[in-house]
Amino acid sequence: MQHPSYRGSFKPFVSPRDPCPPITVKYFVLPPQIFTNFQQPGLPQFSPEEALIHGSLWPQFVDGFFREEGIS
């Protein structure tokens, strides 16, 4: 199953009078849970050890982003 891309970006307004260096592009992540209206019964599950590693019990809700990216 291919996961859709949950990343997005936008270009905020940059003021000519801003004293700080501008951030020209900002990135965001939409978690896969917000696209699920209800949890279907019988979804596959990780083992408890794997669930702790991935941060979710269900593989469907793992988005693949990590804290090292500064996103989660």
C-alpha atoms as a PDB file:
ATOM      1  CA  MET A   1       0.000   0.000   0.000  1.00  0.00           C
ATOM      2  CA  GLN A   2       1.396   3.364  -1.007  1.00  0.00           C
ATOM      3  CA  HIS A   3       0.975   6.195   1.473  1.00  0.00           C
ATOM      4  CA  PRO A   4       0.053   9.578   0.040  1.00  0.00           C
ATOM      5  CA  SER A   5       2.380  12.464   0.747  1.00  0.00           C
ATOM      6  CA  TYR A   6       1.470  14.225   3.969  1.00  0.00           C
ATOM      7  CA  ARG A   7       4.084  16.956   3.581  1.00  0.00           C
ATOM      8  CA  GLY A   8       3.293  20.420   2.472  1.00  0.00           C
ATOM      9  CA  SER A   9       4.958  23.777   2.211  1.00  0.00           C
ATOM     10  CA  PHE A  10       4.059  27.401   1.800  1.00  0.00           C
ATOM     11  CA  LYS A  11       5.844  30.719   1.309  1.00  0.00           C
ATOM     12  CA  PRO A  12       5.025  33.178   4.091  1.00  0.00           C
ATOM     13  CA  PHE A  13       5.021  36.919   3.631  1.00  0.00           C
ATOM     14  CA  VAL A  14       8.492  38.416   4.064  1.00  0.00           C
ATOM     15  CA  SER A  15       8.498  41.993   5.258  1.00  0.00           C
ATOM     16  CA  PRO A  16      11.235  44.299   3.941  1.00  0.00           C
ATOM     17  CA  ARG A  17      11.505  45.732   7.470  1.00  0.00           C
ATOM     18  CA  ASP A  18      11.967  42.409   9.260  1.00  0.00           C
ATOM     19  CA  PRO A  19      15.145  42.598  11.398  1.00  0.00           C
ATOM     20  CA  CYS A  20      15.683  38.811  11.298  1.00  0.00           C
ATOM     21  CA  PRO A  21      16.740  36.750   8.293  1.00  0.00           C
ATOM     22  CA  PRO A  22      13.526  35.623   6.558  1.00  0.00           C
ATOM     23  CA  ILE A  23      12.309  32.045   6.400  1.00  0.00           C
ATOM     24  CA  THR A  24      11.303  31.843   2.752  1.00  0.00           C
ATOM     25  CA  VAL A  25       9.623  28.415   2.860  1.00  0.00           C
ATOM     26  CA  LYS A  26       7.841  26.787   5.807  1.00  0.00           C
ATOM     27  CA  TYR A  27       7.075  23.058   5.916  1.00  0.00           C
ATOM     28  CA  PHE A  28       4.298  21.173   7.673  1.00  0.00           C
ATOM     29  CA  VAL A  29       3.060  17.610   8.089  1.00  0.00           C
ATOM     30  CA  LEU A  30      -0.513  16.373   8.158  1.00  0.00           C
ATOM     31  CA  PRO A  31      -0.828  13.164  10.190  1.00  0.00           C
ATOM     32  CA  PRO A  32      -2.573  10.259   8.407  1.00  0.00           C
ATOM     33  CA  GLN A  33      -5.106   9.945  11.253  1.00  0.00           C
ATOM     34  CA  ILE A  34      -6.962  13.085  10.158  1.00  0.00           C
ATOM     35  CA  PHE A  35      -7.917  11.409   6.863  1.00  0.00           C
ATOM     36  CA  THR A  36      -9.554   8.449   8.646  1.00  0.00           C
ATOM     37  CA  ASN A  37     -13.192   8.954   9.613  1.00  0.00           C
ATOM     38  CA  PHE A  38     -13.357   5.831  11.782  1.00  0.00           C
ATOM     39  CA  GLN A  39     -11.041   2.983  12.662  1.00  0.00           C
ATOM     40  CA  GLN A  40     -11.953  -0.148  10.774  1.00  0.00           C
ATOM     41  CA  PRO A  41     -12.078  -3.398  12.748  1.00  0.00           C
ATOM     42  CA  GLY A  42      -9.357  -5.963  12.129  1.00  0.00           C
ATOM     43  CA  LEU A  43      -6.528  -3.637  11.106  1.00  0.00           C
ATOM     44  CA  PRO A  44      -3.075  -5.241  11.195  1.00  0.00           C
ATOM     45  CA  GLN A  45      -1.081  -4.393  14.316  1.00  0.00           C
ATOM     46  CA  PHE A  46       2.586  -4.106  15.224  1.00  0.00           C
ATOM     47  CA  SER A  47       3.972  -6.132  18.099  1.00  0.00           C
ATOM     48  CA  PRO A  48       4.263  -4.078  21.320  1.00  0.00           C
ATOM     49  CA  GLU A  49       8.022  -3.618  20.791  1.00  0.00           C
ATOM     50  CA  GLU A  50       7.568  -2.443  17.196  1.00  0.00           C
ATOM     51  CA  ALA A  51       4.696  -0.159  18.228  1.00  0.00           C
ATOM     52  CA  LEU A  52       7.001   1.640  20.660  1.00  0.00           C
ATOM     53  CA  ILE A  53       9.573   2.116  17.897  1.00  0.00           C
ATOM     54  CA  HIS A  54       7.045   3.400  15.337  1.00  0.00           C
ATOM     55  CA  GLY A  55       4.883   5.393  17.733  1.00  0.00           C
ATOM     56  CA  SER A  56       1.643   3.710  16.691  1.00  0.00           C
ATOM     57  CA  LEU A  57       0.068   0.301  17.123  1.00  0.00           C
ATOM     58  CA  TRP A  58      -1.305   0.297  13.569  1.00  0.00           C
ATOM     59  CA  PRO A  59       0.949   0.486  10.471  1.00  0.00           C
ATOM     60  CA  GLN A  60      -1.763   2.484   8.665  1.00  0.00           C
ATOM     61  CA  PHE A  61      -1.142   5.429  11.002  1.00  0.00           C
ATOM     62  CA  VAL A  62       2.651   5.556  10.722  1.00  0.00           C
ATOM     63  CA  ASP A  63       3.582   8.594   8.639  1.00  0.00           C
ATOM     64  CA  GLY A  64       7.319   7.940   8.300  1.00  0.00           C
ATOM     65  CA  PHE A  65       8.504  11.241   9.762  1.00  0.00           C
ATOM     66  CA  PHE A  66      10.940  11.403  12.638  1.00  0.00           C
ATOM     67  CA  ARG A  67      11.921  13.855  15.331  1.00  0.00           C
ATOM     68  CA  GLU A  68      15.357  14.191  13.765  1.00  0.00           C
ATOM     69  CA  GLU A  69      13.667  16.000  10.877  1.00  0.00           C
ATOM     70  CA  GLY A  70      12.263  18.532  13.311  1.00  0.00           C
ATOM     71  CA  ILE A  71       8.719  17.766  12.253  1.00  0.00           C
ATOM     72  CA  SER A  72       7.172  15.320  14.754  1.00  0.00           C
END
